[in-house]
């Protein structure tokens, strides 16, 4: 069956939209200019010998050169991704908050043939590059940071200016690879290999009204011209939630808007940008984004008539935040999605921990050998079929464990636990890696967190397991108070018992000034485990009796 690829479809849409804005960031880049600049980047990559394709590669191999992108949100980031695809080079994301050790691990794992990076990250790269067993092509973006180019590096704008865009015309294939590194929140980062054809038809949503993948470029262009709009990815583009809405927006004819100073989330700046740039769709990640938006709208109300949709993914968004956002912006629709690097967005949240599966979402049995029927009481694995990745870069065993075949259909099983309800809904329990085994019972951290965050006086909460001589592991909650007088441990425990079995109620509630989350809004469980261990037994502010004294 014919498939579409990202680079060719973008050029076809750009041919129709011409001088209209493609990206609005610190400068405006038209669709015509984006085609020119990304072709020039592709020409630079080809001129340096990149763009190879190997035949008959394994599921954990790309068979292509790789381009790492180490940039804050901006036009250059998206140019890097699109230009790499035009050269048949697989782009991959680099977390700019990584330490040198983490950066070195990632680059050794990804083995980049080229790096596109901001000048501010040059010192970190200077320390890490000598530790690699190869020397990638270096393209340095001038971001105003003083200092010379790294040895052998090319200035990005100078390289583009000297390239011929005719030499960068796409020679792409839907079988080309796109490499998406996981955030590493539950382990070391892993490179997820997507076929571009599956990425376009799956996560990027280039489908017909009946849900089937579009296979005709002209039809896909007509769809894009009918949708249009302006999308703003609030999370970093270095994470899938940010890149997904940006690239998917492009393939829907949308302008991508980047807020000023994107390296720091600021609700006021974000809302000012939405207002000034007439943003129609906004992507956020959980309470870490949603709560400040509510606070800013309450402090300085704005009608934002153009903003019609907020897409939340990557972390839960509390019901009271959704409700308040809709009160403040009555025209707003909020879509709360569940997804991962290994599936794209594959379930839509209803209420609580209930989701409706999208497309080919199923729940597999615990042994991953059969599909559970509606109403089966077994807690299984949430899985996605259809347009899914090929595997994990360089990891045969992890690929075999995550991508399984059941009844002749291939599924991605990223590790989320779920139950299929009698009405076809999905009861979601969370990632197996955060499951706590206490006294022979399994406790899903995200289930307890959801209950805690809904209790009066709780702004945010994380739940982890901690070693216990009695229980093997004991459930511990770290919470951030939303009120001047924080809730006591006894009040929190009582609130949990109303909705949870006794063994799921945390044995200890530790109050903290701030619950730590990664810059993409996802939970920082490493911090939470360290904090739970460090404060074992409670501090004057977090044991049940001390919390009661604090309130009195």
Protein backbone atom coordinates (compact mmCIF):
# COMPACT_ATOMS: atom_id res chain seq x y z
CA UNK A 1 0.00 0.00 0.00
CA UNK A 2 1.36 3.47 -0.87
CA UNK A 3 2.55 5.59 2.05
CA UNK A 4 3.41 9.25 2.63
CA UNK A 5 6.67 10.62 3.94
CA UNK A 6 7.22 13.74 6.03
CA UNK A 7 9.62 15.65 3.76
CA UNK A 8 7.74 15.23 0.48
CA UNK A 9 4.36 16.03 2.05
CA UNK A 10 5.74 19.15 3.75
CA UNK A 11 7.11 20.39 0.42
CA UNK A 12 3.76 19.77 -1.27
CA UNK A 13 1.93 21.76 1.41
CA UNK A 14 4.59 24.49 1.27
CA UNK A 15 4.10 24.82 -2.49
CA UNK A 16 0.48 25.80 -1.81
CA UNK A 17 1.08 28.09 1.17
CA UNK A 18 4.14 29.89 -0.20
CA UNK A 19 4.81 33.12 1.71
CA UNK A 20 2.42 32.43 4.58
CA UNK A 21 4.14 31.86 7.93
CA UNK A 22 5.40 28.34 8.58
CA UNK A 23 7.14 29.15 11.88
CA UNK A 24 6.71 32.19 14.11
CA UNK A 25 9.50 32.35 16.67
CA UNK A 26 12.13 35.04 17.20
CA UNK A 27 11.63 35.60 13.48
CA UNK A 28 8.98 34.57 10.97
CA UNK A 29 9.90 31.88 8.46
CA UNK A 30 7.54 31.36 5.52
CA UNK A 31 6.70 27.99 4.03
CA UNK A 32 8.73 28.94 0.95
CA UNK A 33 11.74 29.90 3.10
CA UNK A 34 11.42 26.70 5.14
CA UNK A 35 11.63 24.64 1.96
CA UNK A 36 14.70 26.58 0.86
CA UNK A 37 16.49 26.37 4.21
CA UNK A 38 15.81 22.68 4.79
CA UNK A 39 16.91 21.82 1.26
CA UNK A 40 20.13 23.73 1.91
CA UNK A 41 20.69 21.76 5.12
CA UNK A 42 20.06 18.52 3.25
CA UNK A 43 22.61 19.63 0.64
CA UNK A 44 25.20 20.31 3.39
CA UNK A 45 24.64 16.85 4.87
CA UNK A 46 24.91 15.15 1.47
CA UNK A 47 28.03 17.14 0.63
CA UNK A 48 29.66 15.61 3.72
CA UNK A 49 28.77 12.09 2.65
CA UNK A 50 25.63 11.59 4.71
CA UNK A 51 22.42 10.01 3.45
CA UNK A 52 23.31 6.35 3.09
CA UNK A 53 20.66 3.64 3.26
CA UNK A 54 21.46 0.04 4.11
CA UNK A 55 19.20 -2.74 2.90
CA UNK A 56 17.65 -5.54 4.95
CA UNK A 57 18.35 -4.02 8.37
CA UNK A 58 17.15 -5.58 11.61
CA UNK A 59 14.30 -4.07 13.63
CA UNK A 60 16.82 -2.54 16.07
CA UNK A 61 18.86 -0.90 13.29
CA UNK A 62 18.15 2.16 11.15
CA UNK A 63 20.64 1.51 8.34
CA UNK A 64 21.05 5.29 8.05
CA UNK A 65 23.22 8.13 9.29
CA UNK A 66 21.96 9.98 12.36
CA UNK A 67 21.73 13.73 13.09
CA UNK A 68 21.50 14.78 16.74
CA UNK A 69 19.63 18.00 17.53
CA UNK A 70 20.76 19.86 20.67
CA UNK A 71 18.74 23.07 20.64
CA UNK A 72 16.05 24.93 22.52
CA UNK A 73 12.67 25.36 20.83
CA UNK A 74 13.01 27.44 17.71
CA UNK A 75 12.90 27.41 13.93
CA UNK A 76 16.37 25.82 13.72
CA UNK A 77 15.19 22.80 15.69
CA UNK A 78 12.40 22.07 13.22
CA UNK A 79 14.71 22.85 10.29
CA UNK A 80 17.13 20.27 11.63
CA UNK A 81 14.49 17.54 11.79
CA UNK A 82 12.98 18.31 8.38
CA UNK A 83 16.32 18.93 6.65
CA UNK A 84 17.68 15.63 7.95
CA UNK A 85 14.69 13.77 6.53
CA UNK A 86 15.19 15.45 3.15
CA UNK A 87 18.72 14.03 3.13
CA UNK A 88 17.48 10.58 4.26
CA UNK A 89 19.31 11.08 7.56
CA UNK A 90 17.54 9.97 10.74
CA UNK A 91 17.24 12.87 13.22
CA UNK A 92 17.20 12.30 16.97
CA UNK A 93 16.49 14.46 19.99
CA UNK A 94 19.06 15.36 22.66
CA UNK A 95 18.00 16.52 26.11
CA UNK A 96 19.79 19.84 26.71
CA UNK A 97 19.56 19.37 30.48
CA UNK A 98 21.75 16.28 30.48
CA UNK A 99 24.97 16.22 32.46
CA UNK A 100 28.18 15.46 30.59
CA UNK A 101 27.98 11.80 31.64
CA UNK A 102 24.40 11.50 30.42
CA UNK A 103 25.25 13.29 27.18
CA UNK A 104 28.22 11.00 26.59
CA UNK A 105 26.01 7.93 27.13
CA UNK A 106 23.42 9.18 24.66
CA UNK A 107 25.92 10.06 21.94
CA UNK A 108 27.69 6.73 22.26
CA UNK A 109 24.32 4.99 21.99
CA UNK A 110 23.07 7.06 19.02
CA UNK A 111 26.40 7.21 17.16
CA UNK A 112 25.59 10.49 15.34
CA UNK A 113 27.13 11.27 11.96
CA UNK A 114 26.28 14.94 12.54
CA UNK A 115 25.28 17.25 15.38
CA UNK A 116 23.23 20.44 15.11
CA UNK A 117 23.69 22.37 18.34
CA UNK A 118 23.43 25.83 19.89
CA UNK A 119 26.61 27.70 20.79
CA UNK A 120 25.65 27.67 24.47
CA UNK A 121 26.06 23.88 24.47
CA UNK A 122 29.49 23.96 22.79
CA UNK A 123 31.44 23.76 26.11
CA UNK A 124 29.62 20.58 27.14
CA UNK A 125 30.18 19.03 23.72
CA UNK A 126 33.85 20.00 23.84
CA UNK A 127 34.21 17.81 26.92
CA UNK A 128 32.20 14.89 25.55
CA UNK A 129 33.26 14.62 21.89
CA UNK A 130 36.81 13.33 22.65
CA UNK A 131 35.18 10.39 24.44
CA UNK A 132 33.44 9.20 21.27
CA UNK A 133 35.03 6.71 18.88
CA UNK A 134 34.19 8.86 15.85
CA UNK A 135 34.08 12.52 14.81
CA UNK A 136 30.64 13.73 13.68
CA UNK A 137 30.02 16.71 11.42
CA UNK A 138 29.41 19.72 13.69
CA UNK A 139 26.93 22.48 12.79
CA UNK A 140 26.90 25.28 15.35
CA UNK A 141 23.94 27.67 15.64
CA UNK A 142 24.80 31.19 16.75
CA UNK A 143 22.50 31.95 19.70
CA UNK A 144 24.44 35.00 20.88
CA UNK A 145 26.68 33.05 23.22
CA UNK A 146 30.24 34.43 22.95
CA UNK A 147 33.06 32.12 21.99
CA UNK A 148 34.61 30.50 18.93
CA UNK A 149 33.31 27.57 16.94
CA UNK A 150 34.35 24.15 18.16
CA UNK A 151 37.34 22.77 16.23
CA UNK A 152 36.17 21.64 12.79
CA UNK A 153 32.64 22.97 13.30
CA UNK A 154 30.71 24.86 10.63
CA UNK A 155 28.66 27.94 11.38
CA UNK A 156 25.07 26.91 10.60
CA UNK A 157 23.97 30.02 8.72
CA UNK A 158 27.23 30.22 6.76
CA UNK A 159 26.89 26.56 5.75
CA UNK A 160 23.32 27.11 4.57
CA UNK A 161 24.26 30.23 2.63
CA UNK A 162 26.95 28.31 0.73
CA UNK A 163 24.72 25.38 -0.20
CA UNK A 164 22.64 24.94 -3.33
CA UNK A 165 19.01 24.11 -2.46
CA UNK A 166 18.70 22.14 -5.70
CA UNK A 167 21.18 19.65 -4.22
CA UNK A 168 18.86 19.11 -1.25
CA UNK A 169 15.70 18.09 -3.06
CA UNK A 170 14.07 15.25 -1.11
CA UNK A 171 14.88 11.72 -2.19
CA UNK A 172 13.02 10.24 0.72
CA UNK A 173 11.12 7.07 1.45
CA UNK A 174 8.36 6.16 3.92
CA UNK A 175 10.76 3.42 5.01
CA UNK A 176 13.29 6.00 6.23
CA UNK A 177 13.82 6.19 9.99
CA UNK A 178 12.99 8.79 12.59
CA UNK A 179 14.76 8.25 15.90
CA UNK A 180 13.00 9.34 19.09
CA UNK A 181 14.85 8.99 22.39
CA UNK A 182 12.76 8.33 25.48
CA UNK A 183 13.11 10.66 28.45
CA UNK A 184 14.78 8.03 30.60
CA UNK A 185 12.36 8.68 33.48
CA UNK A 186 12.15 4.94 34.29
CA UNK A 187 15.61 3.86 33.08
CA UNK A 188 18.34 4.82 30.64
CA UNK A 189 17.20 6.70 27.49
CA UNK A 190 16.36 4.40 24.59
CA UNK A 191 16.22 5.28 20.90
CA UNK A 192 12.83 4.32 19.47
CA UNK A 193 13.01 3.68 15.71
CA UNK A 194 9.95 4.83 13.77
CA UNK A 195 9.42 4.29 10.07
CA UNK A 196 8.51 7.69 8.65
CA UNK A 197 5.44 6.24 6.92
CA UNK A 198 4.14 4.92 10.24
CA UNK A 199 4.97 8.19 11.99
CA UNK A 200 2.97 10.20 9.44
CA UNK A 201 -0.07 7.90 9.45
CA UNK A 202 0.09 7.23 13.21
CA UNK A 203 1.24 9.90 15.68
CA UNK A 204 1.09 12.76 13.14
CA UNK A 205 -2.49 11.91 12.31
CA UNK A 206 -2.52 12.18 8.51
CA UNK A 207 -5.67 10.13 8.15
CA UNK A 208 -9.03 10.25 6.43
CA UNK A 209 -12.27 10.89 8.28
CA UNK A 210 -12.82 7.15 8.67
CA UNK A 211 -9.45 6.82 10.44
CA UNK A 212 -7.66 5.15 7.53
CA UNK A 213 -4.22 6.40 6.52
CA UNK A 214 -4.12 8.79 3.58
CA UNK A 215 -1.96 7.50 0.75
CA UNK A 216 -2.40 10.22 -1.88
CA UNK A 217 -0.31 13.42 -1.61
CA UNK A 218 -2.96 15.61 -3.26
CA UNK A 219 -5.61 14.35 -0.88
CA UNK A 220 -3.29 14.95 2.10
CA UNK A 221 -2.61 18.50 0.89
CA UNK A 222 -6.35 19.20 0.56
CA UNK A 223 -6.80 17.96 4.12
CA UNK A 224 -4.03 20.27 5.35
CA UNK A 225 -5.44 23.32 3.56
CA UNK A 226 -8.83 22.64 5.15
CA UNK A 227 -7.46 22.42 8.72
CA UNK A 228 -4.74 25.09 9.04
CA UNK A 229 -4.62 27.02 12.34
CA UNK A 230 -1.66 27.89 14.58
CA UNK A 231 -0.18 25.44 17.09
CA UNK A 232 2.12 26.20 20.02
CA UNK A 233 4.09 23.34 21.61
CA UNK A 234 4.73 24.54 25.17
CA UNK A 235 6.96 21.58 26.17
CA UNK A 236 10.47 21.29 24.75
CA UNK A 237 10.73 20.01 21.19
CA UNK A 238 13.40 17.64 22.50
CA UNK A 239 10.50 15.58 23.90
CA UNK A 240 7.97 13.66 21.85
CA UNK A 241 5.01 15.69 23.14
CA UNK A 242 6.52 18.87 21.71
CA UNK A 243 7.79 17.48 18.42
CA UNK A 244 4.58 15.56 17.82
CA UNK A 245 2.25 18.56 17.82
CA UNK A 246 4.74 20.66 15.82
CA UNK A 247 5.27 18.15 13.01
CA UNK A 248 1.67 16.99 13.09
CA UNK A 249 0.60 20.63 12.93
CA UNK A 250 2.79 21.22 9.89
CA UNK A 251 1.22 18.27 8.08
CA UNK A 252 -2.19 19.78 8.89
CA UNK A 253 -1.18 23.07 7.27
CA UNK A 254 -0.69 24.83 10.63
CA UNK A 255 1.81 27.51 11.53
CA UNK A 256 4.06 26.48 14.44
CA UNK A 257 4.41 29.22 17.05
CA UNK A 258 7.30 29.30 19.54
CA UNK A 259 7.04 31.51 22.63
CA UNK A 260 9.91 33.89 23.57
CA UNK A 261 12.54 32.46 25.94
CA UNK A 262 11.27 28.90 25.44
CA UNK A 263 13.96 27.40 27.66
CA UNK A 264 11.97 28.54 30.70
CA UNK A 265 8.25 27.87 31.08
CA UNK A 266 6.43 31.05 32.01
CA UNK A 267 2.63 31.03 31.97
CA UNK A 268 2.33 34.78 31.38
CA UNK A 269 4.67 34.69 28.38
CA UNK A 270 2.89 31.67 26.97
CA UNK A 271 -0.55 33.26 27.21
CA UNK A 272 0.70 36.57 25.84
CA UNK A 273 2.10 34.68 22.85
CA UNK A 274 -1.20 32.83 22.35
CA UNK A 275 -3.00 36.16 22.36
CA UNK A 276 -0.58 38.07 20.12
CA UNK A 277 -0.02 35.26 17.61
CA UNK A 278 -3.65 34.05 17.46
CA UNK A 279 -2.75 30.51 18.55
CA UNK A 280 -5.57 28.01 17.97
CA UNK A 281 -4.07 24.86 19.58
CA UNK A 282 -1.78 24.59 22.59
CA UNK A 283 0.12 21.49 23.77
CA UNK A 284 0.91 21.12 27.48
CA UNK A 285 2.13 18.38 29.84
CA UNK A 286 0.10 17.85 32.99
CA UNK A 287 -0.40 19.92 36.10
CA UNK A 288 3.10 21.40 35.85
CA UNK A 289 1.82 23.42 32.88
CA UNK A 290 -1.91 23.51 33.60
CA UNK A 291 -1.83 24.87 37.17
CA UNK A 292 0.33 27.94 36.34
CA UNK A 293 -1.91 28.68 33.34
CA UNK A 294 -4.96 28.72 35.61
CA UNK A 295 -3.18 30.95 38.15
CA UNK A 296 -2.11 33.41 35.45
CA UNK A 297 -5.58 33.55 33.88
CA UNK A 298 -7.10 34.22 37.29
CA UNK A 299 -4.57 36.97 37.96
CA UNK A 300 -4.81 38.56 34.51
CA UNK A 301 -7.90 37.35 32.62
CA UNK A 302 -7.62 37.10 28.84
CA UNK A 303 -10.44 36.06 26.49
CA UNK A 304 -8.11 34.34 23.94
CA UNK A 305 -10.91 33.88 21.39
CA UNK A 306 -8.65 32.10 18.89
CA UNK A 307 -7.53 29.39 21.33
CA UNK A 308 -9.92 26.49 20.80
CA UNK A 309 -7.96 23.41 21.85
CA UNK A 310 -5.51 22.34 24.54
CA UNK A 311 -3.91 18.93 24.04
CA UNK A 312 -2.50 17.43 27.23
CA UNK A 313 -0.22 14.39 27.18
CA UNK A 314 2.76 12.96 29.03
CA UNK A 315 1.39 13.54 32.56
CA UNK A 316 -2.04 13.68 34.18
CA UNK A 317 -4.06 16.90 34.28
CA UNK A 318 -6.34 17.16 37.30
CA UNK A 319 -10.07 17.42 36.69
CA UNK A 320 -10.33 20.62 38.70
CA UNK A 321 -7.69 22.25 36.48
CA UNK A 322 -9.57 21.21 33.35
CA UNK A 323 -12.81 22.54 34.81
CA UNK A 324 -11.26 25.85 35.80
CA UNK A 325 -9.60 26.31 32.41
CA UNK A 326 -12.96 25.83 30.73
CA UNK A 327 -14.55 28.33 33.11
CA UNK A 328 -11.88 30.89 32.33
CA UNK A 329 -11.95 30.16 28.59
CA UNK A 330 -15.48 28.95 27.79
CA UNK A 331 -14.73 28.28 24.11
CA UNK A 332 -11.94 25.86 25.04
CA UNK A 333 -11.90 22.12 24.37
CA UNK A 334 -9.37 20.04 26.31
CA UNK A 335 -8.18 16.71 25.00
CA UNK A 336 -6.31 14.67 27.63
CA UNK A 337 -4.29 11.93 25.97
CA UNK A 338 -2.21 8.95 27.02
CA UNK A 339 0.81 8.10 24.92
CA UNK A 340 4.46 7.19 24.81
CA UNK A 341 7.48 7.28 22.54
CA UNK A 342 6.67 3.68 21.62
CA UNK A 343 3.01 4.24 20.67
CA UNK A 344 2.22 7.88 20.00
CA UNK A 345 -1.10 9.02 21.50
CA UNK A 346 -3.21 5.89 21.89
CA UNK A 347 -5.91 6.54 24.51
CA UNK A 348 -8.10 9.47 25.53
CA UNK A 349 -8.81 10.15 29.19
CA UNK A 350 -12.40 10.17 30.41
CA UNK A 351 -12.77 10.66 34.15
CA UNK A 352 -10.32 9.52 36.80
CA UNK A 353 -8.13 6.74 35.48
CA UNK A 354 -10.58 5.66 32.76
CA UNK A 355 -9.51 5.97 29.15
CA UNK A 356 -11.02 5.24 25.77
CA UNK A 357 -8.60 3.44 23.46
CA UNK A 358 -7.80 4.94 20.07
CA UNK A 359 -7.54 2.95 16.87
CA UNK A 360 -5.76 -0.34 17.50
CA UNK A 361 -5.35 -0.11 21.28
CA UNK A 362 -5.93 -3.41 23.14
CA UNK A 363 -5.18 -4.89 26.54
CA UNK A 364 -2.98 -7.99 26.46
CA UNK A 365 -2.92 -10.69 29.12
CA UNK A 366 -0.16 -10.72 31.71
CA UNK A 367 1.79 -13.28 29.64
CA UNK A 368 1.38 -11.05 26.51
CA UNK A 369 0.12 -14.06 24.57
CA UNK A 370 -3.57 -13.20 24.14
CA UNK A 371 -5.92 -10.23 23.92
CA UNK A 372 -8.20 -9.76 26.90
CA UNK A 373 -11.95 -9.51 26.33
CA UNK A 374 -14.08 -6.68 27.76
CA UNK A 375 -14.95 -7.35 31.38
CA UNK A 376 -12.00 -9.69 32.02
CA UNK A 377 -10.88 -8.98 35.58
CA UNK A 378 -7.21 -9.59 34.82
CA UNK A 379 -4.83 -6.64 34.96
CA UNK A 380 -2.86 -6.81 31.74
CA UNK A 381 -0.74 -4.67 29.46
CA UNK A 382 -2.00 -1.72 27.43
CA UNK A 383 -0.78 -2.29 23.88
CA UNK A 384 -1.01 -0.54 20.52
CA UNK A 385 -1.18 -2.12 17.09
CA UNK A 386 -1.20 -0.62 13.61
CA UNK A 387 1.31 2.16 12.99
CA UNK A 388 3.96 1.48 15.63
CA UNK A 389 7.78 1.66 15.83
CA UNK A 390 10.16 -0.98 14.54
CA UNK A 391 12.27 -1.34 17.67
CA UNK A 392 14.92 0.12 19.97
CA UNK A 393 18.21 1.23 18.49
CA UNK A 394 20.93 -1.33 19.14
CA UNK A 395 18.86 -3.40 21.58
CA UNK A 396 17.69 -6.74 20.21
CA UNK A 397 16.39 -8.05 23.57
CA UNK A 398 14.43 -4.92 24.51
CA UNK A 399 12.95 -4.82 21.01
CA UNK A 400 11.77 -8.43 21.31
CA UNK A 401 10.30 -7.79 24.78
CA UNK A 402 8.39 -4.62 23.85
CA UNK A 403 7.19 -5.38 20.31
CA UNK A 404 5.28 -8.65 20.37
CA UNK A 405 3.07 -10.52 17.92
CA UNK A 406 -0.32 -11.85 19.05
CA UNK A 407 -2.73 -13.54 16.64
CA UNK A 408 -0.52 -12.47 13.71
CA UNK A 409 -0.74 -8.79 14.69
CA UNK A 410 2.27 -6.85 15.93
CA UNK A 411 1.80 -4.73 19.08
CA UNK A 412 3.88 -2.22 21.02
CA UNK A 413 3.80 -2.86 24.77
CA UNK A 414 5.64 0.04 26.45
CA UNK A 415 4.95 -1.19 29.98
CA UNK A 416 1.64 0.35 31.09
CA UNK A 417 -0.70 -1.75 33.21
CA UNK A 418 -4.43 -1.66 32.48
CA UNK A 419 -7.74 -3.53 32.72
CA UNK A 420 -10.33 -3.73 29.93
CA UNK A 421 -13.74 -2.88 31.37
CA UNK A 422 -17.04 -4.46 30.34
CA UNK A 423 -18.12 -1.34 28.44
CA UNK A 424 -14.88 -1.32 26.43
CA UNK A 425 -13.27 1.43 28.47
CA UNK A 426 -9.73 1.08 29.79
CA UNK A 427 -8.87 1.34 33.48
CA UNK A 428 -5.30 2.64 33.55
CA UNK A 429 -2.95 1.82 36.43
CA UNK A 430 0.39 3.19 35.25
CA UNK A 431 3.86 2.09 34.27
CA UNK A 432 5.07 -1.28 35.54
CA UNK A 433 8.46 0.30 36.34
CA UNK A 434 6.80 2.44 39.05
CA UNK A 435 4.78 -0.44 40.53
CA UNK A 436 5.33 -1.03 44.25
CA UNK A 437 5.27 -4.57 45.69
CA UNK A 438 4.16 -4.30 49.30
CA UNK A 439 3.25 -7.30 51.48
CA UNK A 440 2.62 -9.43 48.41
CA UNK A 441 0.29 -6.88 46.80
CA UNK A 442 0.96 -4.69 43.77
CA UNK A 443 0.34 -0.96 44.11
CA UNK A 444 0.38 1.25 41.02
CA UNK A 445 1.98 4.57 41.90
CA UNK A 446 -0.04 6.60 39.40
CA UNK A 447 -3.34 5.31 40.80
CA UNK A 448 -2.42 6.55 44.30
CA UNK A 449 -1.03 9.82 42.92
CA UNK A 450 -4.28 10.56 41.16
CA UNK A 451 -6.25 10.12 44.37
CA UNK A 452 -3.79 12.25 46.35
CA UNK A 453 -3.79 15.13 43.85
CA UNK A 454 -7.57 15.27 44.05
CA UNK A 455 -7.59 15.74 47.85
CA UNK A 456 -8.16 19.21 49.34
CA UNK A 457 -4.96 21.10 50.02
CA UNK A 458 -2.71 19.01 47.72
CA UNK A 459 -1.04 20.82 44.81
CA UNK A 460 1.02 17.87 43.55
CA UNK A 461 2.16 14.44 44.68
CA UNK A 462 4.42 11.55 43.74
CA UNK A 463 4.32 8.03 45.17
CA UNK A 464 7.24 5.61 45.39
CA UNK A 465 8.22 2.37 47.08
CA UNK A 466 10.78 2.32 49.88
CA UNK A 467 12.56 -0.70 51.37
CA UNK A 468 10.78 -2.08 54.45
CA UNK A 469 11.73 -5.00 56.69
CA UNK A 470 8.05 -5.74 57.31
CA UNK A 471 6.50 -5.17 53.88
CA UNK A 472 9.43 -5.65 51.50
CA UNK A 473 8.45 -2.26 50.10
CA UNK A 474 6.25 0.34 51.72
CA UNK A 475 4.20 2.98 49.92
CA UNK A 476 5.47 6.52 50.53
CA UNK A 477 3.92 9.74 49.25
CA UNK A 478 5.67 13.06 48.73
CA UNK A 479 3.26 15.95 48.44
CA UNK A 480 3.26 19.68 47.89
CA UNK A 481 0.70 21.70 49.83
CA UNK A 482 -1.68 24.03 48.00
CA UNK A 483 -2.71 25.85 51.17
CA UNK A 484 -0.97 27.93 53.84
CA UNK A 485 -2.03 25.41 56.47
CA UNK A 486 -1.12 22.05 54.93
CA UNK A 487 -3.30 18.96 55.32
CA UNK A 488 -2.12 16.56 57.98
CA UNK A 489 -0.92 13.05 57.30
CA UNK A 490 -4.01 11.71 59.07
CA UNK A 491 -6.28 13.77 56.80
CA UNK A 492 -4.47 12.57 53.71
CA UNK A 493 -4.61 8.95 54.84
CA UNK A 494 -8.34 9.26 55.55
CA UNK A 495 -8.93 10.77 52.12
CA UNK A 496 -7.01 7.95 50.46
CA UNK A 497 -8.93 5.26 52.37
CA UNK A 498 -12.19 6.55 50.93
CA UNK A 499 -11.05 5.57 47.43
CA UNK A 500 -8.25 3.03 47.87
CA UNK A 501 -7.81 -0.36 49.49
CA UNK A 502 -5.91 -0.18 52.77
CA UNK A 503 -2.70 -1.68 51.41
CA UNK A 504 -2.50 1.12 48.80
CA UNK A 505 -2.64 3.94 51.37
CA UNK A 506 0.86 5.42 51.89
CA UNK A 507 2.56 4.45 55.13
CA UNK A 508 4.12 7.90 55.24
CA UNK A 509 3.27 11.31 53.80
CA UNK A 510 6.27 13.57 53.32
CA UNK A 511 5.56 17.24 52.75
CA UNK A 512 8.01 19.01 50.46
CA UNK A 513 8.26 22.60 49.29
CA UNK A 514 8.05 21.47 45.68
CA UNK A 515 7.39 18.15 43.99
CA UNK A 516 10.15 17.74 41.42
CA UNK A 517 9.24 17.14 37.80
CA UNK A 518 11.33 17.10 34.66
CA UNK A 519 11.17 20.12 32.35
CA UNK A 520 8.63 18.24 30.20
CA UNK A 521 6.26 17.94 33.18
CA UNK A 522 6.86 14.25 33.81
CA UNK A 523 7.52 12.87 37.28
CA UNK A 524 11.09 12.80 38.59
CA UNK A 525 10.95 9.47 40.38
CA UNK A 526 14.70 9.42 41.02
CA UNK A 527 14.33 12.56 43.13
CA UNK A 528 11.25 11.13 44.82
CA UNK A 529 12.97 7.86 45.79
CA UNK A 530 16.02 9.72 47.11
CA UNK A 531 13.82 12.10 49.10
CA UNK A 532 11.74 9.26 50.53
CA UNK A 533 14.88 7.42 51.65
CA UNK A 534 16.58 10.53 53.04
CA UNK A 535 13.52 11.51 55.08
CA UNK A 536 12.68 8.03 56.31
CA UNK A 537 10.80 8.18 59.56
CA UNK A 538 9.60 11.71 58.90
CA UNK A 539 10.87 15.17 59.68
CA UNK A 540 9.18 17.74 61.96
CA UNK A 541 7.08 18.78 58.96
CA UNK A 542 6.04 15.44 57.54
CA UNK A 543 5.24 12.78 60.15
CA UNK A 544 1.57 12.41 61.04
CA UNK A 545 1.88 13.74 64.58
CA UNK A 546 4.15 16.62 63.57
CA UNK A 547 1.84 17.55 60.69
CA UNK A 548 -1.02 17.75 63.17
CA UNK A 549 1.05 20.03 65.43
CA UNK A 550 1.90 22.24 62.44
CA UNK A 551 -1.79 22.67 61.64
CA UNK A 552 -2.69 23.51 65.22
